[in-house]
N, C-alpha and C. Protein backbone atom coordinates (compact mmCIF):
# COMPACT_ATOMS: atom_id res chain seq x y z
N MET A 1 131.71 114.15 85.00
CA MET A 1 131.42 113.54 86.29
C MET A 1 130.14 112.70 86.17
N GLU A 2 130.22 111.47 86.60
CA GLU A 2 129.09 110.54 86.48
C GLU A 2 128.15 110.71 87.67
N THR A 3 126.86 110.80 87.39
CA THR A 3 125.89 110.91 88.48
C THR A 3 125.54 109.52 88.99
N LYS A 4 125.37 109.45 90.29
CA LYS A 4 125.01 108.18 90.90
C LYS A 4 123.52 107.93 90.76
N LYS A 5 123.17 106.67 90.56
CA LYS A 5 121.78 106.28 90.42
C LYS A 5 121.32 105.70 91.76
N THR A 6 120.18 106.16 92.22
CA THR A 6 119.64 105.66 93.48
C THR A 6 118.82 104.41 93.21
N ILE A 7 119.14 103.36 93.97
CA ILE A 7 118.41 102.10 93.87
C ILE A 7 117.96 101.74 95.28
N TRP A 8 116.72 101.35 95.41
CA TRP A 8 116.19 100.86 96.68
C TRP A 8 115.97 99.36 96.52
N THR A 9 116.64 98.56 97.35
CA THR A 9 116.47 97.10 97.29
C THR A 9 115.62 96.63 98.46
N LEU A 10 114.86 95.60 98.21
CA LEU A 10 113.97 95.06 99.24
C LEU A 10 114.76 94.49 100.40
N ASP A 11 114.32 94.78 101.60
CA ASP A 11 114.86 94.18 102.82
C ASP A 11 113.93 93.03 103.19
N PRO A 12 114.27 91.78 102.80
CA PRO A 12 113.34 90.66 102.98
C PRO A 12 113.03 90.33 104.44
N SER A 13 113.94 90.66 105.36
CA SER A 13 113.68 90.35 106.77
C SER A 13 112.66 91.30 107.40
N HIS A 14 112.33 92.39 106.68
CA HIS A 14 111.33 93.33 107.17
C HIS A 14 110.20 93.52 106.16
N SER A 15 109.92 92.46 105.39
CA SER A 15 108.90 92.55 104.34
C SER A 15 108.08 91.27 104.28
N GLU A 16 106.83 91.41 103.83
CA GLU A 16 105.97 90.23 103.64
C GLU A 16 104.94 90.51 102.56
N ILE A 17 104.56 89.45 101.86
CA ILE A 17 103.46 89.51 100.90
C ILE A 17 102.47 88.42 101.30
N THR A 18 101.24 88.84 101.60
CA THR A 18 100.21 87.90 102.03
C THR A 18 98.98 88.02 101.15
N PHE A 19 98.13 87.00 101.22
CA PHE A 19 96.87 87.05 100.49
C PHE A 19 95.79 86.35 101.31
N LYS A 20 94.54 86.70 101.02
CA LYS A 20 93.39 86.08 101.66
C LYS A 20 92.37 85.73 100.60
N VAL A 21 91.78 84.55 100.74
CA VAL A 21 90.75 84.09 99.83
C VAL A 21 89.63 83.52 100.67
N LYS A 22 88.40 83.87 100.34
CA LYS A 22 87.25 83.33 101.07
C LYS A 22 87.12 81.85 100.74
N HIS A 23 86.95 81.03 101.79
CA HIS A 23 86.84 79.58 101.67
C HIS A 23 85.46 79.14 102.12
N MET A 24 84.81 78.35 101.30
CA MET A 24 83.46 77.83 101.57
C MET A 24 82.45 78.95 101.80
N MET A 25 82.78 80.14 101.35
CA MET A 25 81.91 81.32 101.44
C MET A 25 81.68 81.77 102.88
N ILE A 26 82.45 81.23 103.85
CA ILE A 26 82.19 81.57 105.26
C ILE A 26 83.40 82.12 106.01
N SER A 27 84.62 81.83 105.53
CA SER A 27 85.80 82.31 106.25
C SER A 27 86.94 82.56 105.27
N ASN A 28 87.95 83.27 105.73
CA ASN A 28 89.10 83.57 104.89
C ASN A 28 90.26 82.62 105.19
N VAL A 29 90.92 82.17 104.15
CA VAL A 29 92.17 81.42 104.29
C VAL A 29 93.28 82.38 103.92
N ARG A 30 94.30 82.42 104.77
CA ARG A 30 95.42 83.33 104.57
C ARG A 30 96.62 82.55 104.06
N GLY A 31 97.38 83.17 103.17
CA GLY A 31 98.61 82.59 102.69
C GLY A 31 99.66 83.67 102.52
N GLU A 32 100.86 83.22 102.24
CA GLU A 32 101.96 84.17 102.01
C GLU A 32 102.95 83.56 101.03
N PHE A 33 103.81 84.42 100.53
CA PHE A 33 104.93 83.97 99.70
C PHE A 33 106.19 84.19 100.53
N LYS A 34 106.99 83.15 100.65
CA LYS A 34 108.19 83.20 101.50
C LYS A 34 109.40 83.78 100.77
N SER A 35 109.40 83.75 99.44
CA SER A 35 110.57 84.19 98.69
C SER A 35 110.16 85.17 97.58
N PHE A 36 110.67 86.40 97.66
CA PHE A 36 110.35 87.43 96.68
C PHE A 36 111.42 88.52 96.73
N SER A 37 111.48 89.29 95.67
CA SER A 37 112.41 90.41 95.61
C SER A 37 111.69 91.59 94.95
N ALA A 38 112.21 92.78 95.20
CA ALA A 38 111.63 93.98 94.59
C ALA A 38 112.71 95.05 94.51
N LEU A 39 112.50 95.97 93.58
CA LEU A 39 113.48 97.01 93.32
C LEU A 39 112.76 98.30 92.97
N ILE A 40 113.26 99.39 93.49
CA ILE A 40 112.80 100.73 93.10
C ILE A 40 114.04 101.44 92.58
N GLU A 41 113.99 101.86 91.30
CA GLU A 41 115.14 102.52 90.69
C GLU A 41 114.82 103.98 90.48
N GLY A 42 115.41 104.84 91.33
CA GLY A 42 115.21 106.28 91.23
C GLY A 42 114.99 106.91 92.60
N GLU A 43 115.33 108.17 92.70
CA GLU A 43 115.20 108.91 93.96
C GLU A 43 113.74 109.32 94.20
N ASP A 44 113.08 109.78 93.14
CA ASP A 44 111.69 110.23 93.22
C ASP A 44 110.79 109.02 92.96
N PHE A 45 110.10 108.54 94.00
CA PHE A 45 109.29 107.32 93.88
C PHE A 45 108.24 107.41 92.78
N GLU A 46 107.67 108.60 92.57
CA GLU A 46 106.62 108.76 91.55
C GLU A 46 107.16 108.59 90.13
N LYS A 47 108.46 108.79 89.93
CA LYS A 47 109.06 108.65 88.60
C LYS A 47 109.93 107.40 88.50
N ALA A 48 110.07 106.67 89.58
CA ALA A 48 110.98 105.52 89.64
C ALA A 48 110.42 104.31 88.90
N LYS A 49 111.33 103.44 88.51
CA LYS A 49 110.97 102.15 87.92
C LYS A 49 110.77 101.18 89.10
N ILE A 50 109.61 100.56 89.15
CA ILE A 50 109.27 99.66 90.26
C ILE A 50 109.04 98.26 89.69
N SER A 51 109.69 97.27 90.29
CA SER A 51 109.50 95.89 89.82
C SER A 51 109.58 94.92 91.00
N ALA A 52 108.92 93.77 90.83
CA ALA A 52 108.95 92.73 91.85
C ALA A 52 108.84 91.37 91.20
N SER A 53 109.42 90.38 91.86
CA SER A 53 109.34 89.00 91.40
C SER A 53 109.07 88.11 92.62
N ILE A 54 108.08 87.23 92.49
CA ILE A 54 107.67 86.35 93.58
C ILE A 54 107.86 84.91 93.12
N GLU A 55 108.56 84.12 93.92
CA GLU A 55 108.79 82.72 93.60
C GLU A 55 107.49 81.94 93.85
N ALA A 56 106.90 81.42 92.79
CA ALA A 56 105.61 80.72 92.88
C ALA A 56 105.66 79.54 93.85
N ALA A 57 106.75 78.81 93.85
CA ALA A 57 106.86 77.62 94.70
C ALA A 57 107.04 77.96 96.18
N SER A 58 107.18 79.25 96.50
CA SER A 58 107.35 79.65 97.91
C SER A 58 106.01 79.91 98.61
N VAL A 59 104.89 79.60 97.94
CA VAL A 59 103.58 79.83 98.54
C VAL A 59 103.44 78.96 99.80
N PHE A 60 102.88 79.57 100.85
CA PHE A 60 102.72 78.88 102.14
C PHE A 60 101.38 79.27 102.75
N THR A 61 100.54 78.25 103.05
CA THR A 61 99.23 78.51 103.65
C THR A 61 99.01 77.71 104.93
N ASN A 62 100.07 77.11 105.44
CA ASN A 62 100.00 76.29 106.65
C ASN A 62 99.29 74.96 106.42
N SER A 63 99.21 74.53 105.17
CA SER A 63 98.65 73.23 104.81
C SER A 63 99.46 72.69 103.63
N GLU A 64 100.23 71.65 103.85
CA GLU A 64 101.09 71.12 102.80
C GLU A 64 100.28 70.68 101.58
N ASP A 65 99.13 70.03 101.81
CA ASP A 65 98.28 69.60 100.69
C ASP A 65 97.79 70.80 99.87
N ARG A 66 97.33 71.84 100.55
CA ARG A 66 96.85 73.04 99.85
C ARG A 66 98.00 73.73 99.13
N ASP A 67 99.16 73.82 99.79
CA ASP A 67 100.33 74.45 99.15
C ASP A 67 100.70 73.70 97.87
N ASN A 68 100.71 72.38 97.93
CA ASN A 68 101.04 71.58 96.75
C ASN A 68 100.00 71.79 95.65
N HIS A 69 98.73 71.92 96.03
CA HIS A 69 97.69 72.18 95.04
C HIS A 69 97.89 73.55 94.40
N LEU A 70 98.23 74.55 95.21
CA LEU A 70 98.48 75.90 94.68
C LEU A 70 99.68 75.92 93.73
N LYS A 71 100.68 75.08 93.98
CA LYS A 71 101.86 75.01 93.11
C LYS A 71 101.57 74.25 91.81
N SER A 72 100.48 73.49 91.79
CA SER A 72 100.16 72.64 90.63
C SER A 72 99.59 73.47 89.47
N ALA A 73 99.36 72.78 88.35
CA ALA A 73 98.82 73.43 87.15
C ALA A 73 97.42 74.00 87.37
N ASP A 74 96.68 73.55 88.40
CA ASP A 74 95.37 74.12 88.71
C ASP A 74 95.47 75.59 89.09
N PHE A 75 96.62 75.98 89.65
CA PHE A 75 96.80 77.36 90.09
C PHE A 75 98.07 77.97 89.48
N PHE A 76 99.18 78.04 90.24
CA PHE A 76 100.37 78.76 89.79
C PHE A 76 101.23 78.00 88.78
N ASP A 77 101.09 76.69 88.70
CA ASP A 77 101.90 75.88 87.78
C ASP A 77 103.38 76.25 87.94
N ALA A 78 103.86 76.14 89.18
CA ALA A 78 105.21 76.58 89.53
C ALA A 78 106.30 75.86 88.74
N GLU A 79 106.02 74.65 88.28
CA GLU A 79 107.02 73.90 87.51
C GLU A 79 107.30 74.58 86.17
N ASN A 80 106.28 75.14 85.55
CA ASN A 80 106.43 75.80 84.25
C ASN A 80 106.53 77.32 84.33
N TYR A 81 106.05 77.90 85.41
CA TYR A 81 106.07 79.37 85.61
C TYR A 81 106.64 79.64 87.00
N ALA A 82 107.96 79.76 87.08
CA ALA A 82 108.65 79.85 88.36
C ALA A 82 108.32 81.11 89.15
N ALA A 83 107.94 82.20 88.45
CA ALA A 83 107.75 83.47 89.15
C ALA A 83 106.46 84.18 88.74
N LEU A 84 105.90 84.90 89.69
CA LEU A 84 104.86 85.89 89.43
C LEU A 84 105.62 87.21 89.40
N THR A 85 105.34 88.06 88.43
CA THR A 85 106.10 89.31 88.34
C THR A 85 105.18 90.52 88.31
N PHE A 86 105.72 91.64 88.73
CA PHE A 86 105.01 92.92 88.70
C PHE A 86 105.96 93.97 88.14
N GLU A 87 105.49 94.71 87.15
CA GLU A 87 106.25 95.83 86.58
C GLU A 87 105.40 97.09 86.71
N GLY A 88 105.87 98.05 87.48
CA GLY A 88 105.12 99.27 87.70
C GLY A 88 104.97 100.11 86.45
N ILE A 89 103.78 100.69 86.30
CA ILE A 89 103.50 101.62 85.19
C ILE A 89 103.51 103.05 85.72
N SER A 90 102.84 103.25 86.88
CA SER A 90 102.79 104.59 87.46
C SER A 90 102.52 104.52 88.96
N LEU A 91 103.03 105.51 89.66
CA LEU A 91 102.74 105.71 91.08
C LEU A 91 102.26 107.14 91.22
N LYS A 92 100.99 107.29 91.55
CA LYS A 92 100.39 108.63 91.61
C LYS A 92 99.95 108.95 93.04
N LYS A 93 100.32 110.15 93.48
CA LYS A 93 99.97 110.61 94.82
C LYS A 93 98.49 110.95 94.87
N VAL A 94 97.79 110.44 95.90
CA VAL A 94 96.37 110.72 96.09
C VAL A 94 96.22 111.80 97.15
N ASP A 95 96.93 111.65 98.27
CA ASP A 95 97.03 112.70 99.28
C ASP A 95 98.32 112.51 100.07
N ASP A 96 98.44 113.08 101.25
CA ASP A 96 99.72 113.13 101.99
C ASP A 96 100.60 111.89 101.84
N ASP A 97 100.14 110.74 102.32
CA ASP A 97 100.95 109.53 102.29
C ASP A 97 100.29 108.42 101.47
N GLU A 98 99.24 108.75 100.74
CA GLU A 98 98.48 107.75 99.99
C GLU A 98 98.77 107.86 98.49
N TYR A 99 98.98 106.70 97.87
CA TYR A 99 99.30 106.62 96.45
C TYR A 99 98.48 105.52 95.79
N LYS A 100 98.41 105.57 94.47
CA LYS A 100 97.85 104.48 93.65
C LYS A 100 98.99 103.97 92.78
N LEU A 101 99.26 102.67 92.88
CA LEU A 101 100.31 102.04 92.09
C LEU A 101 99.66 101.18 91.02
N ALA A 102 99.89 101.53 89.77
CA ALA A 102 99.38 100.75 88.64
C ALA A 102 100.56 99.99 88.03
N GLY A 103 100.28 98.78 87.56
CA GLY A 103 101.34 98.01 86.94
C GLY A 103 100.81 96.75 86.29
N LEU A 104 101.72 96.02 85.65
CA LEU A 104 101.38 94.76 85.00
C LEU A 104 101.76 93.60 85.92
N LEU A 105 100.75 92.84 86.30
CA LEU A 105 100.96 91.64 87.09
C LEU A 105 100.91 90.45 86.15
N THR A 106 101.97 89.63 86.17
CA THR A 106 102.04 88.46 85.29
C THR A 106 102.02 87.20 86.14
N ILE A 107 101.03 86.35 85.87
CA ILE A 107 100.88 85.07 86.53
C ILE A 107 100.64 84.03 85.44
N LYS A 108 101.40 82.95 85.45
CA LYS A 108 101.26 81.87 84.47
C LYS A 108 101.32 82.39 83.03
N GLY A 109 102.18 83.38 82.78
CA GLY A 109 102.36 83.91 81.44
C GLY A 109 101.29 84.88 80.98
N VAL A 110 100.33 85.19 81.85
CA VAL A 110 99.26 86.13 81.52
C VAL A 110 99.53 87.45 82.25
N SER A 111 99.57 88.55 81.50
CA SER A 111 99.82 89.88 82.07
C SER A 111 98.55 90.71 82.02
N LYS A 112 98.18 91.27 83.16
CA LYS A 112 97.00 92.14 83.27
C LYS A 112 97.39 93.35 84.11
N GLU A 113 96.78 94.50 83.77
CA GLU A 113 97.03 95.70 84.56
C GLU A 113 96.22 95.64 85.86
N VAL A 114 96.87 96.01 86.95
CA VAL A 114 96.24 96.05 88.27
C VAL A 114 96.58 97.39 88.92
N THR A 115 95.78 97.77 89.91
CA THR A 115 96.05 98.97 90.69
C THR A 115 95.97 98.63 92.16
N PHE A 116 96.97 99.06 92.91
CA PHE A 116 97.03 98.82 94.35
C PHE A 116 97.03 100.15 95.10
N ASP A 117 96.45 100.15 96.30
CA ASP A 117 96.54 101.29 97.20
C ASP A 117 97.86 101.18 97.96
N VAL A 118 98.60 102.27 98.02
CA VAL A 118 99.89 102.28 98.69
C VAL A 118 99.90 103.37 99.74
N GLU A 119 100.34 103.00 100.94
CA GLU A 119 100.57 103.98 101.99
C GLU A 119 102.08 104.08 102.19
N PHE A 120 102.62 105.27 102.04
CA PHE A 120 104.05 105.51 102.22
C PHE A 120 104.29 105.77 103.71
N GLY A 121 105.08 104.91 104.33
CA GLY A 121 105.36 105.05 105.76
C GLY A 121 106.43 106.06 106.07
N GLY A 122 107.23 106.41 105.07
CA GLY A 122 108.28 107.39 105.27
C GLY A 122 109.66 106.78 105.07
N ILE A 123 110.66 107.63 105.28
CA ILE A 123 112.07 107.23 105.17
C ILE A 123 112.72 107.53 106.51
N ASN A 124 113.54 106.59 106.98
CA ASN A 124 114.23 106.79 108.24
C ASN A 124 115.61 106.16 108.16
N LYS A 125 116.50 106.61 109.02
CA LYS A 125 117.88 106.10 109.05
C LYS A 125 117.99 105.11 110.21
N ASP A 126 118.50 103.90 109.91
CA ASP A 126 118.64 102.90 110.97
C ASP A 126 119.92 103.17 111.78
N PRO A 127 120.12 102.44 112.90
CA PRO A 127 121.30 102.68 113.74
C PRO A 127 122.64 102.46 113.05
N TRP A 128 122.67 101.81 111.90
CA TRP A 128 123.90 101.54 111.17
C TRP A 128 124.10 102.51 110.00
N GLY A 129 123.25 103.53 109.91
CA GLY A 129 123.43 104.56 108.89
C GLY A 129 122.76 104.28 107.57
N ASN A 130 121.95 103.22 107.49
CA ASN A 130 121.24 102.89 106.25
C ASN A 130 119.90 103.61 106.19
N TYR A 131 119.59 104.15 105.01
CA TYR A 131 118.28 104.77 104.83
C TYR A 131 117.29 103.71 104.38
N LYS A 132 116.13 103.70 105.04
CA LYS A 132 115.10 102.71 104.74
C LYS A 132 113.79 103.44 104.43
N ALA A 133 113.03 102.88 103.49
CA ALA A 133 111.72 103.41 103.13
C ALA A 133 110.70 102.29 103.31
N GLY A 134 109.54 102.64 103.88
CA GLY A 134 108.51 101.64 104.14
C GLY A 134 107.21 101.94 103.42
N PHE A 135 106.57 100.87 102.96
CA PHE A 135 105.30 100.99 102.23
C PHE A 135 104.35 99.88 102.67
N SER A 136 103.06 100.21 102.74
CA SER A 136 102.00 99.22 102.93
C SER A 136 101.18 99.22 101.65
N ILE A 137 100.92 98.02 101.13
CA ILE A 137 100.23 97.88 99.84
C ILE A 137 99.01 97.00 100.02
N GLU A 138 97.87 97.43 99.47
CA GLU A 138 96.63 96.66 99.54
C GLU A 138 95.97 96.64 98.17
N GLY A 139 95.32 95.53 97.87
CA GLY A 139 94.58 95.46 96.61
C GLY A 139 93.77 94.19 96.52
N LYS A 140 93.04 94.08 95.43
CA LYS A 140 92.22 92.90 95.20
C LYS A 140 92.25 92.57 93.73
N ILE A 141 92.39 91.28 93.43
CA ILE A 141 92.36 90.83 92.04
C ILE A 141 91.33 89.70 91.91
N ASN A 142 90.92 89.45 90.67
CA ASN A 142 90.08 88.29 90.38
C ASN A 142 91.01 87.24 89.79
N ARG A 143 91.19 86.14 90.49
CA ARG A 143 92.17 85.12 90.09
C ARG A 143 91.87 84.54 88.70
N LYS A 144 90.61 84.56 88.28
CA LYS A 144 90.24 84.01 86.98
C LYS A 144 90.79 84.84 85.82
N ASP A 145 91.12 86.11 86.08
CA ASP A 145 91.73 86.96 85.04
C ASP A 145 93.08 86.40 84.59
N TRP A 146 93.71 85.58 85.43
CA TRP A 146 95.00 84.97 85.11
C TRP A 146 94.89 83.47 84.86
N GLY A 147 93.68 82.98 84.65
CA GLY A 147 93.49 81.57 84.34
C GLY A 147 93.57 80.64 85.54
N LEU A 148 93.45 81.20 86.74
CA LEU A 148 93.45 80.38 87.96
C LEU A 148 91.99 80.01 88.24
N ASN A 149 91.47 79.08 87.46
CA ASN A 149 90.02 78.82 87.42
C ASN A 149 89.53 77.69 88.31
N TRP A 150 90.40 76.88 88.86
CA TRP A 150 89.97 75.70 89.61
C TRP A 150 88.99 76.09 90.72
N ASN A 151 87.95 75.27 90.88
CA ASN A 151 87.00 75.47 91.97
C ASN A 151 86.20 74.20 92.15
N ALA A 152 85.41 74.17 93.18
CA ALA A 152 84.50 73.04 93.44
C ALA A 152 83.19 73.62 93.95
N ALA A 153 82.08 73.06 93.46
CA ALA A 153 80.76 73.51 93.91
C ALA A 153 80.47 72.92 95.30
N LEU A 154 79.75 73.70 96.09
CA LEU A 154 79.34 73.21 97.41
C LEU A 154 77.93 72.65 97.33
N GLU A 155 77.69 71.64 98.09
CA GLU A 155 76.37 70.99 98.13
C GLU A 155 75.27 71.99 98.49
N THR A 156 75.61 72.93 99.35
CA THR A 156 74.63 73.92 99.82
C THR A 156 74.52 75.13 98.89
N GLY A 157 75.20 75.08 97.75
CA GLY A 157 75.22 76.23 96.84
C GLY A 157 76.48 77.03 97.05
N GLY A 158 76.89 77.73 96.03
CA GLY A 158 78.12 78.51 96.12
C GLY A 158 79.33 77.67 95.73
N VAL A 159 80.52 78.22 96.00
CA VAL A 159 81.76 77.57 95.60
C VAL A 159 82.74 77.46 96.76
N LEU A 160 83.70 76.56 96.62
CA LEU A 160 84.68 76.32 97.66
C LEU A 160 85.63 77.50 97.84
N VAL A 161 86.09 78.08 96.70
CA VAL A 161 87.09 79.15 96.75
C VAL A 161 86.58 80.37 96.00
N SER A 162 86.63 81.53 96.64
CA SER A 162 86.20 82.78 96.02
C SER A 162 87.09 83.14 94.83
N ASP A 163 86.54 83.88 93.88
CA ASP A 163 87.34 84.38 92.76
C ASP A 163 88.22 85.55 93.19
N ASP A 164 87.74 86.32 94.17
CA ASP A 164 88.48 87.49 94.63
C ASP A 164 89.60 87.11 95.59
N VAL A 165 90.77 87.68 95.35
CA VAL A 165 91.92 87.46 96.20
C VAL A 165 92.37 88.82 96.71
N LYS A 166 92.40 88.97 98.03
CA LYS A 166 92.89 90.21 98.64
C LYS A 166 94.39 90.07 98.85
N ILE A 167 95.13 91.05 98.36
CA ILE A 167 96.59 91.04 98.44
C ILE A 167 97.04 92.16 99.37
N SER A 168 98.00 91.83 100.21
CA SER A 168 98.52 92.79 101.17
C SER A 168 100.04 92.62 101.25
N ALA A 169 100.75 93.73 101.30
CA ALA A 169 102.21 93.66 101.43
C ALA A 169 102.70 94.75 102.37
N GLU A 170 103.63 94.37 103.20
CA GLU A 170 104.38 95.31 104.03
C GLU A 170 105.80 95.19 103.54
N VAL A 171 106.33 96.25 102.95
CA VAL A 171 107.67 96.17 102.36
C VAL A 171 108.56 97.31 102.84
N GLN A 172 109.81 96.95 103.06
CA GLN A 172 110.81 97.93 103.47
C GLN A 172 111.98 97.82 102.50
N PHE A 173 112.47 98.97 102.07
CA PHE A 173 113.57 99.03 101.10
C PHE A 173 114.77 99.72 101.72
N VAL A 174 115.96 99.32 101.28
CA VAL A 174 117.22 99.91 101.71
C VAL A 174 117.81 100.70 100.56
N LYS A 175 118.19 101.93 100.82
CA LYS A 175 118.74 102.79 99.79
C LYS A 175 120.19 102.39 99.46
N GLN A 176 120.46 102.27 98.16
CA GLN A 176 121.80 101.96 97.65
C GLN A 176 122.18 103.06 96.67
N GLU A 177 123.44 103.30 96.52
CA GLU A 177 123.91 104.21 95.46
C GLU A 177 124.66 103.38 94.44
N ALA A 178 124.25 103.48 93.17
CA ALA A 178 124.91 102.67 92.14
C ALA A 178 125.67 103.56 91.18
C-alpha cells in the first residue's frame, strides 16, 4: 500500500511578499512582488521541505521608473536572473507559535544563508473543506551580500538607499494529498 505524501501549495490570493528600504535616510519605501510560488512538502512542518520562487520582474513599488531600475542590472537583473529563490534548511520551534526558518536565498546567482522569524497562525478548514495553514514571516537582509550595490551619495551626507532590506510575508497554504 502506497502512502500519500502531504504537499502544501501556496494560495496566491491570500499571500503577499513585501519589503521596505530606507530612502534618503528619512523614510521607508515599500515594495512587493506580484508573482511568486511556494511549496511545503510534508505533514510535519519542522521536517518538511520548504521552497519558494519569486519572479524578479514582478517587483512593484508604485513607481514605474523605480520598478524598471530594480529590474535592471543595478539590482535584480531580471533579464538574466528571472527568479529569486529560497530553499529551506531548517524550521525550528522557538515557543508556542514562533519558529526560526533558515535557508538559502539566491538572488542574481548568489546564494547566502538567511534566517527569518516565523509565526505559525494555525491550520483551519475553509467552507469548501480545504485545509489551510497560515504563516507570518519577518526578516532583514543586507542587499550588498547579493551584489545589489547600486547607491547614490546625498549632498547632506549619507546615502539614497539603505543597505538593509526588511522582508515581510503573509502566506497561506492549501493542503494537497499526492
